[in-house]
Amino acid sequence: MRLLIILLAALLTACGTTPRLDREFGNTVRLARAQQTLNPDAGRVPRPVNGLDAQAATAAYQNYQQSFITKDDQSNGFTIGVGSKR
């Protein structure tokens, strides 16, 4: 009986609260997101975005998509310079 009481007491301590862990819950995710953000004020500052204009971005995206449809013939990389005539 005494062993059962000790065992139950030990099991109940596993259900205890962890105030330190609860207080810091999610800090690593918030820190990682903050470290990966280039400009934290990007949505609040009204200025043009650096990069491509709409037409150039559309053309680049269409070229990218087309590259999966039409495959370029790629020669074997191990034969570069082998058997070439100079």
PDB file of N, CA and C in Angstrom:
ATOM      1  N   MET A   1       0.833  -1.193   0.000  1.00  0.00           N
ATOM      2  CA  MET A   1       0.000   0.000   0.000  1.00  0.00           C
ATOM      3  C   MET A   1       0.877   1.256   0.000  1.00  0.00           C
ATOM      4  N   ARG A   2       1.930   1.218   0.798  1.00  0.00           N
ATOM      5  CA  ARG A   2       2.825   2.368   0.882  1.00  0.00           C
ATOM      6  C   ARG A   2       3.484   2.627  -0.482  1.00  0.00           C
ATOM      7  N   LEU A   3       3.854   1.558  -1.178  1.00  0.00           N
ATOM      8  CA  LEU A   3       4.480   1.691  -2.490  1.00  0.00           C
ATOM      9  C   LEU A   3       3.507   2.305  -3.499  1.00  0.00           C
ATOM     10  N   LEU A   4       2.248   1.943  -3.409  1.00  0.00           N
ATOM     11  CA  LEU A   4       1.233   2.498  -4.286  1.00  0.00           C
ATOM     12  C   LEU A   4       1.051   3.995  -4.053  1.00  0.00           C
ATOM     13  N   ILE A   5       1.065   4.419  -2.820  1.00  0.00           N
ATOM     14  CA  ILE A   5       0.924   5.847  -2.495  1.00  0.00           C
ATOM     15  C   ILE A   5       2.119   6.633  -3.024  1.00  0.00           C
ATOM     16  N   ILE A   6       3.312   6.081  -2.866  1.00  0.00           N
ATOM     17  CA  ILE A   6       4.518   6.757  -3.363  1.00  0.00           C
ATOM     18  C   ILE A   6       4.481   6.849  -4.885  1.00  0.00           C
ATOM     19  N   LEU A   7       4.039   5.778  -5.510  1.00  0.00           N
ATOM     20  CA  LEU A   7       3.946   5.771  -6.963  1.00  0.00           C
ATOM     21  C   LEU A   7       2.921   6.789  -7.464  1.00  0.00           C
ATOM     22  N   LEU A   8       1.773   6.871  -6.815  1.00  0.00           N
ATOM     23  CA  LEU A   8       0.752   7.843  -7.204  1.00  0.00           C
ATOM     24  C   LEU A   8       1.234   9.277  -6.970  1.00  0.00           C
ATOM     25  N   ALA A   9       1.950   9.500  -5.897  1.00  0.00           N
ATOM     26  CA  ALA A   9       2.484  10.836  -5.625  1.00  0.00           C
ATOM     27  C   ALA A   9       3.501  11.231  -6.694  1.00  0.00           C
ATOM     28  N   ALA A  10       4.315  10.287  -7.119  1.00  0.00           N
ATOM     29  CA  ALA A  10       5.298  10.563  -8.165  1.00  0.00           C
ATOM     30  C   ALA A  10       4.608  10.848  -9.498  1.00  0.00           C
ATOM     31  N   LEU A  11       3.545  10.138  -9.792  1.00  0.00           N
ATOM     32  CA  LEU A  11       2.813  10.368 -11.034  1.00  0.00           C
ATOM     33  C   LEU A  11       2.106  11.720 -11.038  1.00  0.00           C
ATOM     34  N   LEU A  12       1.611  12.153  -9.895  1.00  0.00           N
ATOM     35  CA  LEU A  12       0.916  13.434  -9.826  1.00  0.00           C
ATOM     36  C   LEU A  12       1.878  14.607  -9.997  1.00  0.00           C
ATOM     37  N   THR A  13       3.123  14.444  -9.639  1.00  0.00           N
ATOM     38  CA  THR A  13       4.069  15.541  -9.832  1.00  0.00           C
ATOM     39  C   THR A  13       4.331  15.767 -11.315  1.00  0.00           C
ATOM     40  N   ALA A  14       4.124  14.770 -12.141  1.00  0.00           N
ATOM     41  CA  ALA A  14       4.302  14.945 -13.579  1.00  0.00           C
ATOM     42  C   ALA A  14       3.204  15.824 -14.169  1.00  0.00           C
ATOM     43  N   CYS A  15       2.094  15.954 -13.495  1.00  0.00           N
ATOM     44  CA  CYS A  15       0.997  16.787 -13.971  1.00  0.00           C
ATOM     45  C   CYS A  15       1.102  18.220 -13.468  1.00  0.00           C
ATOM     46  N   GLY A  16       2.135  18.544 -12.762  1.00  0.00           N
ATOM     47  CA  GLY A  16       2.303  19.895 -12.222  1.00  0.00           C
ATOM     48  C   GLY A  16       2.489  20.920 -13.316  1.00  0.00           C
ATOM     49  N   THR A  17       2.248  22.161 -12.977  1.00  0.00           N
ATOM     50  CA  THR A  17       2.387  23.231 -13.963  1.00  0.00           C
ATOM     51  C   THR A  17       3.854  23.597 -14.125  1.00  0.00           C
ATOM     52  N   THR A  18       4.155  24.157 -15.247  1.00  0.00           N
ATOM     53  CA  THR A  18       5.516  24.604 -15.537  1.00  0.00           C
ATOM     54  C   THR A  18       5.450  26.082 -15.875  1.00  0.00           C
ATOM     55  N   PRO A  19       5.470  26.956 -14.884  1.00  0.00           N
ATOM     56  CA  PRO A  19       5.280  28.381 -15.161  1.00  0.00           C
ATOM     57  C   PRO A  19       6.382  28.972 -16.041  1.00  0.00           C
ATOM     58  N   ARG A  20       7.616  28.491 -15.889  1.00  0.00           N
ATOM     59  CA  ARG A  20       8.700  29.031 -16.703  1.00  0.00           C
ATOM     60  C   ARG A  20       8.495  28.654 -18.169  1.00  0.00           C
ATOM     61  N   LEU A  21       8.145  27.409 -18.430  1.00  0.00           N
ATOM     62  CA  LEU A  21       7.921  26.980 -19.806  1.00  0.00           C
ATOM     63  C   LEU A  21       6.687  27.640 -20.398  1.00  0.00           C
ATOM     64  N   ASP A  22       5.641  27.791 -19.616  1.00  0.00           N
ATOM     65  CA  ASP A  22       4.433  28.441 -20.109  1.00  0.00           C
ATOM     66  C   ASP A  22       4.690  29.904 -20.436  1.00  0.00           C
ATOM     67  N   ARG A  23       5.526  30.558 -19.645  1.00  0.00           N
ATOM     68  CA  ARG A  23       5.818  31.968 -19.858  1.00  0.00           C
ATOM     69  C   ARG A  23       6.638  32.171 -21.136  1.00  0.00           C
ATOM     70  N   GLU A  24       7.495  31.213 -21.480  1.00  0.00           N
ATOM     71  CA  GLU A  24       8.361  31.335 -22.643  1.00  0.00           C
ATOM     72  C   GLU A  24       7.842  30.575 -23.861  1.00  0.00           C
ATOM     73  N   PHE A  25       6.632  30.082 -23.791  1.00  0.00           N
ATOM     74  CA  PHE A  25       6.078  29.295 -24.880  1.00  0.00           C
ATOM     75  C   PHE A  25       5.951  30.140 -26.145  1.00  0.00           C
ATOM     76  N   GLY A  26       6.566  29.695 -27.249  1.00  0.00           N
ATOM     77  CA  GLY A  26       6.479  30.383 -28.523  1.00  0.00           C
ATOM     78  C   GLY A  26       7.573  31.404 -28.764  1.00  0.00           C
ATOM     79  N   ASN A  27       8.448  31.635 -27.800  1.00  0.00           N
ATOM     80  CA  ASN A  27       9.504  32.634 -27.985  1.00  0.00           C
ATOM     81  C   ASN A  27      10.455  32.256 -29.107  1.00  0.00           C
ATOM     82  N   THR A  28      10.776  30.990 -29.260  1.00  0.00           N
ATOM     83  CA  THR A  28      11.710  30.594 -30.311  1.00  0.00           C
ATOM     84  C   THR A  28      11.114  30.808 -31.687  1.00  0.00           C
ATOM     85  N   VAL A  29       9.821  30.583 -31.835  1.00  0.00           N
ATOM     86  CA  VAL A  29       9.170  30.815 -33.122  1.00  0.00           C
ATOM     87  C   VAL A  29       9.145  32.308 -33.434  1.00  0.00           C
ATOM     88  N   ARG A  30       8.816  33.126 -32.449  1.00  0.00           N
ATOM     89  CA  ARG A  30       8.806  34.573 -32.663  1.00  0.00           C
ATOM     90  C   ARG A  30      10.211  35.089 -32.972  1.00  0.00           C
ATOM     91  N   LEU A  31      11.220  34.559 -32.303  1.00  0.00           N
ATOM     92  CA  LEU A  31      12.598  34.974 -32.551  1.00  0.00           C
ATOM     93  C   LEU A  31      13.043  34.579 -33.958  1.00  0.00           C
ATOM     94  N   ALA A  32      12.730  33.357 -34.379  1.00  0.00           N
ATOM     95  CA  ALA A  32      13.109  32.901 -35.720  1.00  0.00           C
ATOM     96  C   ALA A  32      12.418  33.742 -36.790  1.00  0.00           C
ATOM     97  N   ARG A  33      11.154  34.068 -36.592  1.00  0.00           N
ATOM     98  CA  ARG A  33      10.429  34.897 -37.559  1.00  0.00           C
ATOM     99  C   ARG A  33      11.032  36.303 -37.617  1.00  0.00           C
ATOM    100  N   ALA A  34      11.394  36.868 -36.474  1.00  0.00           N
ATOM    101  CA  ALA A  34      11.990  38.209 -36.447  1.00  0.00           C
ATOM    102  C   ALA A  34      13.349  38.219 -37.130  1.00  0.00           C
ATOM    103  N   GLN A  35      14.116  37.143 -36.975  1.00  0.00           N
ATOM    104  CA  GLN A  35      15.434  37.086 -37.588  1.00  0.00           C
ATOM    105  C   GLN A  35      15.357  36.886 -39.096  1.00  0.00           C
ATOM    106  N   GLN A  36      14.259  36.366 -39.601  1.00  0.00           N
ATOM    107  CA  GLN A  36      14.117  36.120 -41.028  1.00  0.00           C
ATOM    108  C   GLN A  36      13.376  37.246 -41.738  1.00  0.00           C
ATOM    109  N   THR A  37      12.953  38.258 -41.018  1.00  0.00           N
ATOM    110  CA  THR A  37      12.226  39.366 -41.609  1.00  0.00           C
ATOM    111  C   THR A  37      13.221  40.415 -42.085  1.00  0.00           C
ATOM    112  N   LEU A  38      13.183  40.728 -43.369  1.00  0.00           N
ATOM    113  CA  LEU A  38      14.116  41.686 -43.939  1.00  0.00           C
ATOM    114  C   LEU A  38      13.809  43.104 -43.473  1.00  0.00           C
ATOM    115  N   ASN A  39      12.560  43.498 -43.578  1.00  0.00           N
ATOM    116  CA  ASN A  39      12.159  44.845 -43.182  1.00  0.00           C
ATOM    117  C   ASN A  39      10.892  44.746 -42.347  1.00  0.00           C
ATOM    118  N   PRO A  40      10.992  44.858 -41.026  1.00  0.00           N
ATOM    119  CA  PRO A  40       9.800  44.705 -40.187  1.00  0.00           C
ATOM    120  C   PRO A  40       8.752  45.794 -40.400  1.00  0.00           C
ATOM    121  N   ASP A  41       9.148  46.954 -40.915  1.00  0.00           N
ATOM    122  CA  ASP A  41       8.202  48.050 -41.142  1.00  0.00           C
ATOM    123  C   ASP A  41       7.691  48.093 -42.576  1.00  0.00           C
ATOM    124  N   ALA A  42       7.806  47.026 -43.314  1.00  0.00           N
ATOM    125  CA  ALA A  42       7.463  47.023 -44.737  1.00  0.00           C
ATOM    126  C   ALA A  42       5.989  47.348 -44.972  1.00  0.00           C
ATOM    127  N   GLY A  43       5.094  46.892 -44.153  1.00  0.00           N
ATOM    128  CA  GLY A  43       3.677  47.156 -44.361  1.00  0.00           C
ATOM    129  C   GLY A  43       3.239  48.523 -43.895  1.00  0.00           C
ATOM    130  N   ARG A  44       4.028  49.166 -43.052  1.00  0.00           N
ATOM    131  CA  ARG A  44       3.637  50.460 -42.492  1.00  0.00           C
ATOM    132  C   ARG A  44       4.237  51.642 -43.244  1.00  0.00           C
ATOM    133  N   VAL A  45       5.290  51.408 -44.009  1.00  0.00           N
ATOM    134  CA  VAL A  45       5.971  52.498 -44.704  1.00  0.00           C
ATOM    135  C   VAL A  45       5.522  52.511 -46.163  1.00  0.00           C
ATOM    136  N   PRO A  46       4.859  53.564 -46.610  1.00  0.00           N
ATOM    137  CA  PRO A  46       4.396  53.617 -48.010  1.00  0.00           C
ATOM    138  C   PRO A  46       5.526  54.015 -48.958  1.00  0.00           C
ATOM    139  N   ARG A  47       6.189  53.054 -49.528  1.00  0.00           N
ATOM    140  CA  ARG A  47       7.217  53.315 -50.532  1.00  0.00           C
ATOM    141  C   ARG A  47       7.247  52.144 -51.504  1.00  0.00           C
ATOM    142  N   PRO A  48       7.757  52.365 -52.703  1.00  0.00           N
ATOM    143  CA  PRO A  48       7.744  51.291 -53.699  1.00  0.00           C
ATOM    144  C   PRO A  48       8.637  50.119 -53.275  1.00  0.00           C
ATOM    145  N   VAL A  49       8.247  48.959 -53.709  1.00  0.00           N
ATOM    146  CA  VAL A  49       8.976  47.750 -53.394  1.00  0.00           C
ATOM    147  C   VAL A  49      10.146  47.599 -54.357  1.00  0.00           C
ATOM    148  N   ASN A  50      11.299  47.229 -53.844  1.00  0.00           N
ATOM    149  CA  ASN A  50      12.443  46.979 -54.714  1.00  0.00           C
ATOM    150  C   ASN A  50      12.223  45.662 -55.437  1.00  0.00           C
ATOM    151  N   GLY A  51      12.510  45.641 -56.728  1.00  0.00           N
ATOM    152  CA  GLY A  51      12.357  44.397 -57.474  1.00  0.00           C
ATOM    153  C   GLY A  51      11.873  44.654 -58.883  1.00  0.00           C
ATOM    154  N   LEU A  52      11.170  43.680 -59.415  1.00  0.00           N
ATOM    155  CA  LEU A  52      10.703  43.747 -60.803  1.00  0.00           C
ATOM    156  C   LEU A  52       9.367  44.467 -60.899  1.00  0.00           C
ATOM    157  N   ASP A  53       9.137  45.083 -62.070  1.00  0.00           N
ATOM    158  CA  ASP A  53       7.810  45.614 -62.318  1.00  0.00           C
ATOM    159  C   ASP A  53       6.890  44.465 -62.732  1.00  0.00           C
ATOM    160  N   ALA A  54       5.626  44.743 -62.877  1.00  0.00           N
ATOM    161  CA  ALA A  54       4.640  43.688 -63.116  1.00  0.00           C
ATOM    162  C   ALA A  54       4.887  42.947 -64.423  1.00  0.00           C
ATOM    163  N   GLN A  55       5.221  43.670 -65.491  1.00  0.00           N
ATOM    164  CA  GLN A  55       5.414  43.025 -66.790  1.00  0.00           C
ATOM    165  C   GLN A  55       6.654  42.124 -66.776  1.00  0.00           C
ATOM    166  N   ALA A  56       7.736  42.591 -66.179  1.00  0.00           N
ATOM    167  CA  ALA A  56       8.954  41.778 -66.123  1.00  0.00           C
ATOM    168  C   ALA A  56       8.752  40.551 -65.241  1.00  0.00           C
ATOM    169  N   ALA A  57       8.033  40.705 -64.138  1.00  0.00           N
ATOM    170  CA  ALA A  57       7.774  39.567 -63.256  1.00  0.00           C
ATOM    171  C   ALA A  57       6.899  38.531 -63.955  1.00  0.00           C
ATOM    172  N   THR A  58       5.905  38.992 -64.701  1.00  0.00           N
ATOM    173  CA  THR A  58       5.036  38.071 -65.437  1.00  0.00           C
ATOM    174  C   THR A  58       5.817  37.309 -66.493  1.00  0.00           C
ATOM    175  N   ALA A  59       6.675  38.013 -67.225  1.00  0.00           N
ATOM    176  CA  ALA A  59       7.480  37.358 -68.260  1.00  0.00           C
ATOM    177  C   ALA A  59       8.455  36.354 -67.641  1.00  0.00           C
ATOM    178  N   ALA A  60       9.059  36.704 -66.524  1.00  0.00           N
ATOM    179  CA  ALA A  60       9.995  35.790 -65.866  1.00  0.00           C
ATOM    180  C   ALA A  60       9.266  34.537 -65.380  1.00  0.00           C
ATOM    181  N   TYR A  61       8.079  34.733 -64.832  1.00  0.00           N
ATOM    182  CA  TYR A  61       7.308  33.586 -64.349  1.00  0.00           C
ATOM    183  C   TYR A  61       6.868  32.690 -65.503  1.00  0.00           C
ATOM    184  N   GLN A  62       6.454  33.279 -66.617  1.00  0.00           N
ATOM    185  CA  GLN A  62       6.051  32.477 -67.770  1.00  0.00           C
ATOM    186  C   GLN A  62       7.243  31.720 -68.355  1.00  0.00           C
ATOM    187  N   ASN A  63       8.408  32.353 -68.406  1.00  0.00           N
ATOM    188  CA  ASN A  63       9.610  31.652 -68.869  1.00  0.00           C
ATOM    189  C   ASN A  63       9.962  30.506 -67.940  1.00  0.00           C
ATOM    190  N   TYR A  64       9.806  30.725 -66.645  1.00  0.00           N
ATOM    191  CA  TYR A  64      10.075  29.673 -65.663  1.00  0.00           C
ATOM    192  C   TYR A  64       9.126  28.494 -65.860  1.00  0.00           C
ATOM    193  N   GLN A  65       7.847  28.764 -66.031  1.00  0.00           N
ATOM    194  CA  GLN A  65       6.877  27.694 -66.242  1.00  0.00           C
ATOM    195  C   GLN A  65       7.139  26.983 -67.563  1.00  0.00           C
ATOM    196  N   GLN A  66       7.506  27.722 -68.600  1.00  0.00           N
ATOM    197  CA  GLN A  66       7.780  27.128 -69.908  1.00  0.00           C
ATOM    198  C   GLN A  66       9.008  26.228 -69.850  1.00  0.00           C
ATOM    199  N   SER A  67       9.938  26.512 -68.959  1.00  0.00           N
ATOM    200  CA  SER A  67      11.156  25.707 -68.879  1.00  0.00           C
ATOM    201  C   SER A  67      10.863  24.267 -68.459  1.00  0.00           C
ATOM    202  N   PHE A  68       9.734  24.028 -67.817  1.00  0.00           N
ATOM    203  CA  PHE A  68       9.375  22.667 -67.431  1.00  0.00           C
ATOM    204  C   PHE A  68       8.677  21.927 -68.567  1.00  0.00           C
ATOM    205  N   ILE A  69       8.136  22.675 -69.516  1.00  0.00           N
ATOM    206  CA  ILE A  69       7.432  22.059 -70.638  1.00  0.00           C
ATOM    207  C   ILE A  69       8.414  21.667 -71.733  1.00  0.00           C
ATOM    208  N   THR A  70       9.296  22.585 -72.095  1.00  0.00           N
ATOM    209  CA  THR A  70      10.279  22.300 -73.139  1.00  0.00           C
ATOM    210  C   THR A  70      11.627  22.051 -72.483  1.00  0.00           C
ATOM    211  N   LYS A  71      12.084  20.841 -72.602  1.00  0.00           N
ATOM    212  CA  LYS A  71      13.357  20.459 -72.001  1.00  0.00           C
ATOM    213  C   LYS A  71      14.487  20.725 -72.982  1.00  0.00           C
ATOM    214  N   ASP A  72      15.550  21.349 -72.521  1.00  0.00           N
ATOM    215  CA  ASP A  72      16.740  21.562 -73.326  1.00  0.00           C
ATOM    216  C   ASP A  72      17.579  20.293 -73.303  1.00  0.00           C
ATOM    217  N   ASP A  73      18.161  19.970 -74.447  1.00  0.00           N
ATOM    218  CA  ASP A  73      19.028  18.804 -74.513  1.00  0.00           C
ATOM    219  C   ASP A  73      20.340  19.131 -73.815  1.00  0.00           C
ATOM    220  N   GLN A  74      20.627  18.392 -72.768  1.00  0.00           N
ATOM    221  CA  GLN A  74      21.854  18.622 -72.018  1.00  0.00           C
ATOM    222  C   GLN A  74      22.801  17.465 -72.290  1.00  0.00           C
ATOM    223  N   SER A  75      23.976  17.803 -72.764  1.00  0.00           N
ATOM    224  CA  SER A  75      24.950  16.748 -73.027  1.00  0.00           C
ATOM    225  C   SER A  75      25.542  16.269 -71.716  1.00  0.00           C
ATOM    226  N   ASN A  76      26.176  15.149 -71.779  1.00  0.00           N
ATOM    227  CA  ASN A  76      26.775  14.559 -70.592  1.00  0.00           C
ATOM    228  C   ASN A  76      27.909  15.457 -70.100  1.00  0.00           C
ATOM    229  N   GLY A  77      27.935  15.784 -68.844  1.00  0.00           N
ATOM    230  CA  GLY A  77      28.945  16.657 -68.287  1.00  0.00           C
ATOM    231  C   GLY A  77      30.331  16.047 -68.247  1.00  0.00           C
ATOM    232  N   PHE A  78      30.424  14.731 -68.331  1.00  0.00           N
ATOM    233  CA  PHE A  78      31.721  14.070 -68.289  1.00  0.00           C
ATOM    234  C   PHE A  78      32.451  14.104 -69.629  1.00  0.00           C
ATOM    235  N   THR A  79      31.752  14.526 -70.686  1.00  0.00           N
ATOM    236  CA  THR A  79      32.382  14.521 -72.004  1.00  0.00           C
ATOM    237  C   THR A  79      32.802  15.917 -72.449  1.00  0.00           C
ATOM    238  N   ILE A  80      32.860  16.847 -71.542  1.00  0.00           N
ATOM    239  CA  ILE A  80      33.243  18.202 -71.903  1.00  0.00           C
ATOM    240  C   ILE A  80      34.705  18.201 -72.311  1.00  0.00           C
ATOM    241  N   GLY A  81      34.978  18.629 -73.514  1.00  0.00           N
ATOM    242  CA  GLY A  81      36.352  18.718 -74.011  1.00  0.00           C
ATOM    243  C   GLY A  81      36.920  17.413 -74.519  1.00  0.00           C
ATOM    244  N   VAL A  82      36.208  16.328 -74.417  1.00  0.00           N
ATOM    245  CA  VAL A  82      36.697  15.052 -74.889  1.00  0.00           C
ATOM    246  C   VAL A  82      36.293  14.873 -76.336  1.00  0.00           C
ATOM    247  N   GLY A  83      37.229  14.654 -77.192  1.00  0.00           N
ATOM    248  CA  GLY A  83      36.948  14.414 -78.590  1.00  0.00           C
ATOM    249  C   GLY A  83      36.641  15.656 -79.395  1.00  0.00           C
ATOM    250  N   SER A  84      36.838  16.808 -78.820  1.00  0.00           N
ATOM    251  CA  SER A  84      36.569  18.017 -79.584  1.00  0.00           C
ATOM    252  C   SER A  84      37.741  18.328 -80.506  1.00  0.00           C
ATOM    253  N   LYS A  85      37.424  18.889 -81.649  1.00  0.00           N
ATOM    254  CA  LYS A  85      38.458  19.249 -82.623  1.00  0.00           C
ATOM    255  C   LYS A  85      38.855  20.701 -82.409  1.00  0.00           C
ATOM    256  N   ARG A  86      40.149  20.937 -82.412  1.00  0.00           N
ATOM    257  CA  ARG A  86      40.635  22.306 -82.237  1.00  0.00           C
ATOM    258  C   ARG A  86      41.219  22.827 -83.474  1.00  0.00           C
TER     259      ARG A  86
END
